[in-house]
Amino acid sequence: MHNQSAPGNGIWSRGMMAVTAAQFLSAFGDNALLFATLAVLKQQVYPAWSQPVLQMVFVAAYILFAPFVGQFADSVPKRPGDDGG
């Protein structure tokens, strides 16, 4: 059987590549913030047990706030004149 997928359709479409790149950059920024925060706190001589606790706090914040932030982002107009819905 021959694959009838046209270029620009499916998972490798331009739109999907943009979404994938945005997701990658967002995750990269989140992790860079986490590591930078941990490095600063480690320099300030915080106890050794604080690093795993801070990692759990960062992860818990993403898990707890992601649904609410996503809903808020979807309700805010992206362009002038959009109704936000």
Foldseek 3Di string as FASTA:
>chain_A
DDDPDDPLDDCNHPVNVVVVVVVVVVVVVLVVVLVVVLVVVVVVPDDPVVSVVSVVVSVVCCVVCVVVVVVVQQQDDPDPPDRSD
